[in-house]
Amino acid sequence: MAGVFPSRCGQGVTPMSGTGDVRMWPTLDRERPSSWLLLGSEEVEALFEVPTEPLTEWLDTTYRTVTAQAEMDGLNCDGFLAELLDAPGAPPA
């Protein structure tokens, strides 16, 4: 499972970043610097334009709290999904 983590966003501000269900890359519009954020699944895709200035401000603030190298420490995405899908009312697998 891929997530929208700060490092993925930071990488997408300049070159293309990500594979699979989350990808990000810069736009070519130099008057309004921004990046494209593409979220996709087998059924649907959503494309968002994210202005670069607020994104980089958010990234700077985030990296002061948790570095890009440490953002995945302690996360167990597979365990979280297993717990979520085993919860009462979860759709059958």
C-alpha atoms as a PDB file:
ATOM      1  CA  MET A   1       0.000   0.000   0.000  1.00  0.00           C
ATOM      2  CA  ALA A   2       1.353   3.404  -0.915  1.00  0.00           C
ATOM      3  CA  GLY A   3       0.439   6.435   1.127  1.00  0.00           C
ATOM      4  CA  VAL A   4       0.613  10.152   0.701  1.00  0.00           C
ATOM      5  CA  PHE A   5       3.590  10.792   2.944  1.00  0.00           C
ATOM      6  CA  PRO A   6       5.536  14.070   3.091  1.00  0.00           C
ATOM      7  CA  SER A   7       8.590  12.599   1.363  1.00  0.00           C
ATOM      8  CA  ARG A   8       6.463  11.565  -1.627  1.00  0.00           C
ATOM      9  CA  CYS A   9       5.114  15.122  -1.882  1.00  0.00           C
ATOM     10  CA  GLY A  10       8.568  16.650  -1.458  1.00  0.00           C
ATOM     11  CA  GLN A  11       9.997  14.517  -4.207  1.00  0.00           C
ATOM     12  CA  GLY A  12       7.188  15.545  -6.560  1.00  0.00           C
ATOM     13  CA  VAL A  13       7.892  19.275  -6.259  1.00  0.00           C
ATOM     14  CA  THR A  14      10.809  19.032  -8.713  1.00  0.00           C
ATOM     15  CA  PRO A  15      11.052  15.653 -10.559  1.00  0.00           C
ATOM     16  CA  MET A  16       8.374  12.990 -11.129  1.00  0.00           C
ATOM     17  CA  SER A  17       7.845  10.962  -7.953  1.00  0.00           C
ATOM     18  CA  GLY A  18       5.990   7.792  -7.036  1.00  0.00           C
ATOM     19  CA  THR A  19       4.695   4.706  -8.743  1.00  0.00           C
ATOM     20  CA  GLY A  20       1.425   2.873  -8.589  1.00  0.00           C
ATOM     21  CA  ASP A  21      -1.493   4.514  -6.827  1.00  0.00           C
ATOM     22  CA  VAL A  22       0.208   7.788  -5.753  1.00  0.00           C
ATOM     23  CA  ARG A  23       2.270   9.887  -8.174  1.00  0.00           C
ATOM     24  CA  MET A  24       3.353  13.519  -8.158  1.00  0.00           C
ATOM     25  CA  TRP A  25       5.185  15.749 -10.627  1.00  0.00           C
ATOM     26  CA  PRO A  26       5.662  19.484 -11.240  1.00  0.00           C
ATOM     27  CA  THR A  27       3.523  21.428 -13.673  1.00  0.00           C
ATOM     28  CA  LEU A  28       5.179  23.388 -16.475  1.00  0.00           C
ATOM     29  CA  ASP A  29       3.413  26.655 -15.575  1.00  0.00           C
ATOM     30  CA  ARG A  30       6.153  28.987 -14.286  1.00  0.00           C
ATOM     31  CA  GLU A  31       3.721  31.840 -13.492  1.00  0.00           C
ATOM     32  CA  ARG A  32       1.886  29.708 -10.903  1.00  0.00           C
ATOM     33  CA  PRO A  33       4.340  27.028  -9.706  1.00  0.00           C
ATOM     34  CA  SER A  34       2.469  23.900  -8.669  1.00  0.00           C
ATOM     35  CA  SER A  35       2.589  20.120  -8.817  1.00  0.00           C
ATOM     36  CA  TRP A  36       0.152  17.471 -10.003  1.00  0.00           C
ATOM     37  CA  LEU A  37      -0.902  14.826  -7.460  1.00  0.00           C
ATOM     38  CA  LEU A  38      -2.470  11.733  -9.039  1.00  0.00           C
ATOM     39  CA  LEU A  39      -4.281   9.248  -6.797  1.00  0.00           C
ATOM     40  CA  GLY A  40      -5.429   6.112  -8.572  1.00  0.00           C
ATOM     41  CA  SER A  41      -6.894   2.683  -8.135  1.00  0.00           C
ATOM     42  CA  GLU A  42      -8.100   0.013 -10.516  1.00  0.00           C
ATOM     43  CA  GLU A  43     -11.501   1.729 -10.701  1.00  0.00           C
ATOM     44  CA  VAL A  44     -10.821   5.463 -10.634  1.00  0.00           C
ATOM     45  CA  GLU A  45      -8.200   8.212 -10.697  1.00  0.00           C
ATOM     46  CA  ALA A  46      -8.235  11.693  -9.161  1.00  0.00           C
ATOM     47  CA  LEU A  47      -5.865  14.465 -10.278  1.00  0.00           C
ATOM     48  CA  PHE A  48      -5.176  17.446  -8.014  1.00  0.00           C
ATOM     49  CA  GLU A  49      -3.146  20.581  -8.674  1.00  0.00           C
ATOM     50  CA  VAL A  50      -1.203  21.553  -5.536  1.00  0.00           C
ATOM     51  CA  PRO A  51       0.334  25.054  -5.329  1.00  0.00           C
ATOM     52  CA  THR A  52       4.084  24.751  -4.652  1.00  0.00           C
ATOM     53  CA  GLU A  53       4.468  27.506  -2.027  1.00  0.00           C
ATOM     54  CA  PRO A  54       1.968  26.178   0.558  1.00  0.00           C
ATOM     55  CA  LEU A  55       3.159  22.623  -0.150  1.00  0.00           C
ATOM     56  CA  THR A  56       6.801  23.471   0.525  1.00  0.00           C
ATOM     57  CA  GLU A  57       5.832  25.468   3.656  1.00  0.00           C
ATOM     58  CA  TRP A  58       3.895  22.432   4.945  1.00  0.00           C
ATOM     59  CA  LEU A  59       6.829  20.142   4.105  1.00  0.00           C
ATOM     60  CA  ASP A  60       9.300  22.399   5.938  1.00  0.00           C
ATOM     61  CA  THR A  61       7.074  22.397   9.031  1.00  0.00           C
ATOM     62  CA  THR A  62       6.546  18.632   8.805  1.00  0.00           C
ATOM     63  CA  TYR A  63      10.268  17.872   8.393  1.00  0.00           C
ATOM     64  CA  ARG A  64      11.067  19.869  11.526  1.00  0.00           C
ATOM     65  CA  THR A  65       8.857  17.394  13.418  1.00  0.00           C
ATOM     66  CA  VAL A  66       9.654  14.140  11.560  1.00  0.00           C
ATOM     67  CA  THR A  67      12.457  13.780   9.029  1.00  0.00           C
ATOM     68  CA  ALA A  68      11.773  12.248   5.630  1.00  0.00           C
ATOM     69  CA  GLN A  69      14.035   9.328   6.580  1.00  0.00           C
ATOM     70  CA  ALA A  70      12.029   8.579   9.746  1.00  0.00           C
ATOM     71  CA  GLU A  71       8.449   9.127   8.532  1.00  0.00           C
ATOM     72  CA  MET A  72       7.778   5.413   7.979  1.00  0.00           C
ATOM     73  CA  ASP A  73       9.355   4.282  11.267  1.00  0.00           C
ATOM     74  CA  GLY A  74       6.800   2.523  13.444  1.00  0.00           C
ATOM     75  CA  LEU A  75       4.157   2.294  10.712  1.00  0.00           C
ATOM     76  CA  ASN A  76       2.661  -1.083   9.941  1.00  0.00           C
ATOM     77  CA  CYS A  77       0.430  -0.449   6.930  1.00  0.00           C
ATOM     78  CA  ASP A  78      -0.235  -4.149   6.303  1.00  0.00           C
ATOM     79  CA  GLY A  79      -1.248  -4.682   9.934  1.00  0.00           C
ATOM     80  CA  PHE A  80      -3.481  -1.614   9.854  1.00  0.00           C
ATOM     81  CA  LEU A  81      -5.254  -2.799   6.705  1.00  0.00           C
ATOM     82  CA  ALA A  82      -5.678  -6.325   8.073  1.00  0.00           C
ATOM     83  CA  GLU A  83      -7.205  -4.933  11.261  1.00  0.00           C
ATOM     84  CA  LEU A  84      -9.427  -2.564   9.315  1.00  0.00           C
ATOM     85  CA  LEU A  85     -10.680  -5.272   6.958  1.00  0.00           C
ATOM     86  CA  ASP A  86     -11.280  -7.724   9.816  1.00  0.00           C
ATOM     87  CA  ALA A  87     -13.394  -5.167  11.689  1.00  0.00           C
ATOM     88  CA  PRO A  88     -17.158  -5.730  12.063  1.00  0.00           C
ATOM     89  CA  GLY A  89     -19.003  -4.371   9.055  1.00  0.00           C
ATOM     90  CA  ALA A  90     -15.959  -4.566   6.773  1.00  0.00           C
ATOM     91  CA  PRO A  91     -16.728  -5.653   3.215  1.00  0.00           C
ATOM     92  CA  PRO A  92     -15.962  -9.306   2.462  1.00  0.00           C
ATOM     93  CA  ALA A  93     -12.550  -9.929   0.889  1.00  0.00           C
END
